[in-house]
Amino acid sequence: MSRKITKNLFLKLNNKFKYKDKIKLLILPTIITLILINAIPLLLLIYMAFTNWDNSLAFSWKNFMGLDNFKYILTNDRFWQSGVTTLIWIVGSLALELPLGLGIALLLKRASKRNLLFLSLTKNVIVLPLVIAPIVVGVMWRFMMFNANTGVINYFFRLVGLSPIEWLGKEWALFSVILTDVWEHTPLFVLILFAGLQSLPDHLYEAARVDGANGFQLFKNITLPLLKPIIYVVIVVRSIDLMRWIVTIFIMTGGGPGMKTEIWNLYLYQLTFTRFNVSKGSAMALILIFASMLISILFVKMSLKEE
């Protein structure tokens, strides 16, 4: 009897809700779970940023400090120095990865029309740096490539009669970690931009060729304008990724020598887990979240303006 009542109740509910409502009900538990997973750490982060956290999760405002933690961060010379390093790190990496990725993607697009086997092999080779663990990348470039005495680059410098360079010294350390990131993440640009190029309509190119357009004119007037939304997306993703990146720099230089390669996220790590100043670290984390949101909003507005 109880089974019959339950069945009838289920049938009534099933008939009452439309198909879209059923889908919403099915994904509702997932949405609630994701909100809780993200909301609880964020609320705890905000709580710690405005208090003098005493390693106790008990909610108490007795140690409320207002904006003192934020004031400490924003008036700290090390924060602004690491901010300049972060800006150079982001702009330098993007300035190399974007043109390299676009150039390789264009070559792959041309190769795709001629030799599919070559294209398949090339894509498999290009993607290799992305699948290598960042820790392995850092160790490999630190000891195999940039080592002053036994590194591969300095070995070839000696072969051609050039003086070896202290790649991880004060003058070249930041450039070296940028170069490592370019090797590791340019394939991401290649894959995304190549997929974008594959989706561009061929009839536009055919019509332009009939009108006598050359390769550069095709790229300038068709390829680049149509690719701009995709370029904006990949720039936003990589900018935020670069802002939070820490593994390769930590393995290669640890932020040194001095503070030459200390980006914001590395300073946040040092502040929170080396100096054990969790409250100030939480305040800085909120500042970095706000900075990431500003970058996203800026590029979204630029993308909408282009459209």
Protein backbone atom coordinates (compact mmCIF):
# COMPACT_ATOMS: atom_id res chain seq x y z
CA MET A 1 0.00 0.00 0.00
CA SER A 2 2.79 2.40 0.95
CA ARG A 3 4.61 1.61 -2.31
CA LYS A 4 1.46 2.45 -4.29
CA ILE A 5 1.10 5.79 -2.47
CA THR A 6 4.75 6.64 -3.09
CA LYS A 7 4.41 5.72 -6.78
CA ASN A 8 1.32 7.87 -7.19
CA LEU A 9 3.03 10.80 -5.45
CA PHE A 10 6.05 10.44 -7.76
CA LEU A 11 3.80 10.36 -10.85
CA LYS A 12 1.97 13.49 -9.71
CA LEU A 13 5.25 15.35 -9.15
CA ASN A 14 6.56 14.07 -12.47
CA ASN A 15 3.51 15.40 -14.31
CA LYS A 16 3.55 18.69 -12.43
CA PHE A 17 7.09 19.75 -13.37
CA LYS A 18 8.06 20.58 -16.93
CA TYR A 19 11.17 19.16 -18.59
CA LYS A 20 13.28 22.28 -17.88
CA ASP A 21 12.19 22.26 -14.25
CA LYS A 22 13.25 18.62 -13.96
CA ILE A 23 16.69 19.45 -15.30
CA LYS A 24 17.01 22.31 -12.80
CA LEU A 25 16.03 20.00 -9.95
CA LEU A 26 18.60 17.42 -11.04
CA ILE A 27 21.50 19.90 -11.13
CA LEU A 28 20.40 21.78 -7.99
CA PRO A 29 22.39 19.53 -5.57
CA THR A 30 25.53 20.03 -7.67
CA ILE A 31 25.07 23.81 -7.70
CA ILE A 32 24.52 23.90 -3.92
CA THR A 33 27.63 21.75 -3.36
CA LEU A 34 29.79 23.99 -5.55
CA ILE A 35 28.50 27.12 -3.78
CA LEU A 36 29.33 25.64 -0.38
CA ILE A 37 32.77 24.45 -1.49
CA ASN A 38 33.64 27.94 -2.72
CA ALA A 39 31.69 30.07 -0.24
CA ILE A 40 32.97 28.56 3.01
CA PRO A 41 36.71 29.07 2.27
CA LEU A 42 35.99 32.58 0.94
CA LEU A 43 34.04 33.57 4.06
CA LEU A 44 36.81 32.14 6.26
CA LEU A 45 39.38 34.09 4.24
CA ILE A 46 37.42 37.33 4.74
CA TYR A 47 37.10 36.61 8.46
CA MET A 48 40.86 36.05 8.86
CA ALA A 49 41.69 39.16 6.79
CA PHE A 50 39.78 41.46 9.14
CA THR A 51 40.94 39.90 12.42
CA ASN A 52 44.16 38.97 14.17
CA TRP A 53 43.75 35.26 13.61
CA ASP A 54 44.92 33.18 16.57
CA ASN A 55 44.88 29.72 14.89
CA SER A 56 41.38 29.12 16.18
CA LEU A 57 38.42 28.59 13.88
CA ALA A 58 36.05 29.83 16.58
CA PHE A 59 34.09 32.77 15.16
CA SER A 60 34.89 35.77 17.34
CA TRP A 61 35.33 39.45 16.57
CA LYS A 62 37.26 40.17 19.77
CA ASN A 63 40.43 40.44 17.69
CA PHE A 64 38.81 42.56 14.99
CA MET A 65 41.43 44.76 13.33
CA GLY A 66 39.41 46.54 10.65
CA LEU A 67 41.56 47.51 7.68
CA ASP A 68 44.89 47.26 9.51
CA ASN A 69 45.97 44.13 7.65
CA PHE A 70 45.16 45.72 4.30
CA LYS A 71 46.96 48.91 5.33
CA TYR A 72 50.06 46.87 6.21
CA ILE A 73 50.05 45.18 2.80
CA LEU A 74 49.39 48.31 0.74
CA THR A 75 52.04 50.38 2.57
CA ASN A 76 54.67 47.64 2.39
CA ASP A 77 57.47 48.38 -0.08
CA ARG A 78 57.97 44.66 -0.68
CA PHE A 79 54.38 44.35 -1.89
CA TRP A 80 54.88 47.04 -4.54
CA GLN A 81 58.30 45.72 -5.53
CA SER A 82 56.86 42.24 -6.05
CA GLY A 83 53.98 43.93 -7.91
CA VAL A 84 56.40 45.42 -10.45
CA THR A 85 58.02 42.00 -10.82
CA THR A 86 54.57 40.44 -11.31
CA LEU A 87 53.74 42.97 -14.03
CA ILE A 88 57.00 42.25 -15.88
CA TRP A 89 56.40 38.53 -15.43
CA ILE A 90 52.86 38.68 -16.88
CA VAL A 91 53.54 41.14 -19.72
CA GLY A 92 56.83 39.48 -20.67
CA SER A 93 55.33 36.00 -20.79
CA LEU A 94 52.25 37.07 -22.77
CA ALA A 95 54.32 39.19 -25.16
CA LEU A 96 56.28 36.07 -26.15
CA GLU A 97 53.63 33.37 -25.83
CA LEU A 98 50.90 35.09 -27.87
CA PRO A 99 52.86 35.78 -31.09
CA LEU A 100 54.69 32.44 -30.86
CA GLY A 101 51.44 30.56 -30.28
CA LEU A 102 49.66 32.39 -33.09
CA GLY A 103 52.57 31.85 -35.49
CA ILE A 104 52.75 28.12 -34.78
CA ALA A 105 48.95 27.82 -35.03
CA LEU A 106 49.03 29.50 -38.47
CA LEU A 107 51.75 27.09 -39.61
CA LEU A 108 49.72 24.14 -38.36
CA LYS A 109 46.64 25.48 -40.17
CA ARG A 110 48.59 25.59 -43.42
CA ALA A 111 50.08 22.14 -42.78
CA SER A 112 46.62 20.68 -42.08
CA LYS A 113 45.70 21.15 -45.73
CA ARG A 114 48.67 19.18 -46.97
CA ASN A 115 49.95 16.47 -44.62
CA LEU A 116 47.66 15.10 -41.92
CA LEU A 117 50.30 12.70 -40.56
CA PHE A 118 52.77 15.55 -40.09
CA LEU A 119 50.06 17.61 -38.38
CA SER A 120 49.19 14.81 -35.97
CA LEU A 121 52.83 14.20 -35.02
CA THR A 122 53.51 17.93 -34.63
CA LYS A 123 50.52 18.48 -32.33
CA ASN A 124 51.60 15.56 -30.15
CA VAL A 125 55.12 16.97 -29.83
CA ILE A 126 53.92 20.53 -29.18
CA VAL A 127 51.63 19.47 -26.34
CA LEU A 128 54.39 17.67 -24.41
CA PRO A 129 55.45 20.67 -22.24
CA LEU A 130 51.85 21.02 -21.02
CA VAL A 131 51.69 17.47 -19.70
CA ILE A 132 55.00 17.61 -17.82
CA ALA A 133 54.61 18.38 -14.12
CA PRO A 134 55.61 22.00 -13.29
CA ILE A 135 58.03 20.74 -10.62
CA VAL A 136 59.81 18.62 -13.24
CA VAL A 137 59.92 21.61 -15.61
CA GLY A 138 61.50 23.78 -12.91
CA VAL A 139 64.13 21.18 -12.02
CA MET A 140 64.89 20.45 -15.67
CA TRP A 141 65.41 24.08 -16.68
CA ARG A 142 67.30 24.95 -13.50
CA PHE A 143 69.89 22.17 -13.66
CA MET A 144 69.93 21.10 -17.32
CA MET A 145 69.45 24.38 -19.17
CA PHE A 146 70.39 27.32 -16.94
CA ASN A 147 73.15 25.88 -14.75
CA ALA A 148 76.16 28.19 -15.06
CA ASN A 149 78.70 25.35 -15.24
CA THR A 150 76.96 22.31 -16.71
CA GLY A 151 73.89 23.84 -18.41
CA VAL A 152 73.16 23.08 -22.06
CA ILE A 153 72.87 26.74 -23.09
CA ASN A 154 76.25 27.72 -21.63
CA TYR A 155 77.78 24.60 -23.19
CA PHE A 156 76.84 25.83 -26.67
CA PHE A 157 77.99 29.35 -25.75
CA ARG A 158 81.44 27.94 -24.98
CA LEU A 159 81.47 26.00 -28.26
CA VAL A 160 81.05 29.21 -30.27
CA GLY A 161 83.51 31.17 -28.13
CA LEU A 162 81.00 33.16 -26.06
CA SER A 163 81.29 33.72 -22.32
CA PRO A 164 78.88 31.70 -20.16
CA ILE A 165 76.03 33.61 -18.53
CA GLU A 166 74.83 33.31 -14.95
CA TRP A 167 71.25 32.69 -16.05
CA LEU A 168 69.82 32.52 -12.53
CA GLY A 169 71.86 35.49 -11.28
CA LYS A 170 70.49 38.96 -10.59
CA GLU A 171 70.61 40.21 -14.17
CA TRP A 172 69.07 37.25 -15.97
CA ALA A 173 66.92 35.42 -13.37
CA LEU A 174 63.59 37.03 -14.26
CA PHE A 175 64.20 36.58 -17.99
CA SER A 176 65.11 32.93 -17.38
CA VAL A 177 61.89 32.10 -15.52
CA ILE A 178 59.88 33.93 -18.20
CA LEU A 179 61.63 31.87 -20.87
CA THR A 180 60.81 28.70 -18.97
CA ASP A 181 57.14 29.67 -18.76
CA VAL A 182 57.12 30.47 -22.49
CA TRP A 183 58.42 26.97 -23.25
CA GLU A 184 55.87 25.40 -20.92
CA HIS A 185 52.69 27.31 -21.82
CA THR A 186 53.04 28.44 -25.43
CA PRO A 187 51.41 25.09 -26.44
CA LEU A 188 48.24 26.26 -24.67
CA PHE A 189 48.07 29.28 -26.99
CA VAL A 190 48.80 27.01 -29.97
CA LEU A 191 45.98 24.58 -29.21
CA ILE A 192 43.34 27.24 -28.49
CA LEU A 193 44.26 29.48 -31.42
CA PHE A 194 44.56 26.53 -33.80
CA ALA A 195 41.04 25.44 -32.82
CA GLY A 196 39.88 29.01 -33.44
CA LEU A 197 41.53 29.08 -36.87
CA GLN A 198 39.85 25.80 -37.79
CA SER A 199 36.45 27.36 -37.10
CA LEU A 200 36.93 30.38 -39.41
CA PRO A 201 34.80 30.26 -42.59
CA ASP A 202 36.80 29.42 -45.73
CA HIS A 203 34.52 31.33 -48.10
CA LEU A 204 35.77 34.67 -46.71
CA TYR A 205 39.34 33.75 -47.67
CA GLU A 206 38.26 32.54 -51.11
CA ALA A 207 36.38 35.77 -51.80
CA ALA A 208 39.35 37.87 -50.64
CA ARG A 209 41.77 35.91 -52.85
CA VAL A 210 39.48 36.50 -55.83
CA ASP A 211 39.77 40.23 -55.09
CA GLY A 212 43.57 39.89 -55.14
CA ALA A 213 44.36 39.95 -51.40
CA ASN A 214 47.78 38.63 -50.38
CA GLY A 215 48.65 36.58 -47.30
CA PHE A 216 49.31 39.57 -45.03
CA GLN A 217 46.04 41.25 -46.04
CA LEU A 218 44.14 38.03 -45.35
CA PHE A 219 45.69 37.84 -41.88
CA LYS A 220 45.13 41.53 -41.09
CA ASN A 221 41.57 41.90 -42.38
CA ILE A 222 40.05 38.46 -41.81
CA THR A 223 42.05 36.20 -39.49
CA LEU A 224 42.99 38.67 -36.76
CA PRO A 225 39.57 40.40 -36.42
CA LEU A 226 37.74 37.07 -36.26
CA LEU A 227 40.24 35.65 -33.76
CA LYS A 228 40.11 38.62 -31.37
CA PRO A 229 37.41 37.18 -29.04
CA ILE A 230 39.41 33.96 -28.69
CA ILE A 231 42.64 35.93 -28.15
CA TYR A 232 40.96 37.94 -25.39
CA VAL A 233 39.78 34.75 -23.67
CA VAL A 234 43.21 33.09 -23.73
CA ILE A 235 44.88 36.31 -22.52
CA VAL A 236 42.49 36.54 -19.55
CA VAL A 237 43.00 32.88 -18.66
CA ARG A 238 46.79 33.11 -18.88
CA SER A 239 46.97 36.47 -17.07
CA ILE A 240 45.11 35.08 -14.06
CA ASP A 241 47.14 31.86 -14.28
CA LEU A 242 50.41 33.83 -14.35
CA MET A 243 49.31 35.93 -11.38
CA ARG A 244 48.73 32.83 -9.26
CA TRP A 245 51.68 30.84 -10.65
CA ILE A 246 54.36 29.87 -8.15
CA VAL A 247 55.72 26.34 -8.76
CA THR A 248 58.31 26.94 -11.49
CA ILE A 249 59.67 30.14 -9.93
CA PHE A 250 59.79 28.53 -6.49
CA ILE A 251 61.77 25.55 -7.80
CA MET A 252 64.14 27.58 -9.98
CA THR A 253 64.92 30.63 -7.84
CA GLY A 254 62.75 30.65 -4.72
CA GLY A 255 62.03 34.30 -5.49
CA GLY A 256 65.70 35.25 -5.56
CA PRO A 257 68.39 36.20 -5.93
CA GLY A 258 67.33 38.86 -3.48
CA MET A 259 63.75 39.51 -4.60
CA LYS A 260 64.43 39.66 -8.34
CA THR A 261 61.88 36.97 -9.19
CA GLU A 262 59.47 37.33 -6.27
CA ILE A 263 56.00 37.77 -7.73
CA TRP A 264 52.90 38.56 -5.67
CA ASN A 265 51.86 34.96 -5.18
CA LEU A 266 55.34 33.99 -3.99
CA TYR A 267 55.35 36.90 -1.53
CA LEU A 268 51.93 35.71 -0.34
CA TYR A 269 53.39 32.26 0.25
CA GLN A 270 56.37 33.67 2.17
CA LEU A 271 54.12 35.92 4.25
CA THR A 272 51.63 33.20 5.17
CA PHE A 273 53.61 29.96 5.44
CA THR A 274 57.17 31.14 6.18
CA ARG A 275 56.45 34.05 8.50
CA PHE A 276 53.14 32.47 9.69
CA ASN A 277 51.26 35.75 9.39
CA VAL A 278 47.95 34.26 8.28
CA SER A 279 45.82 37.39 8.75
CA LYS A 280 48.03 39.60 6.60
CA GLY A 281 48.34 36.80 4.07
CA SER A 282 44.54 36.55 3.92
CA ALA A 283 44.28 40.29 3.32
CA MET A 284 46.78 40.04 0.48
CA ALA A 285 44.89 37.08 -0.98
CA LEU A 286 41.72 39.19 -1.12
CA ILE A 287 43.67 41.97 -2.86
CA LEU A 288 44.92 39.47 -5.47
CA ILE A 289 41.38 38.14 -6.00
CA PHE A 290 40.22 41.72 -6.59
CA ALA A 291 43.11 42.32 -9.03
CA SER A 292 42.20 39.14 -10.96
CA MET A 293 38.58 40.30 -11.18
CA LEU A 294 39.71 43.68 -12.55
CA ILE A 295 41.78 41.96 -15.26
CA SER A 296 38.80 39.81 -16.24
CA ILE A 297 36.40 42.78 -16.34
CA LEU A 298 38.86 44.84 -18.40
CA PHE A 299 39.27 42.20 -21.09
CA VAL A 300 35.55 41.37 -21.14
CA LYS A 301 34.75 45.05 -21.77
CA MET A 302 37.39 45.18 -24.50
CA SER A 303 35.90 42.06 -26.09
CA LEU A 304 32.36 43.44 -25.98
CA LYS A 305 33.57 46.73 -27.44
CA GLU A 306 35.20 44.90 -30.36
CA GLU A 307 32.00 42.95 -31.02
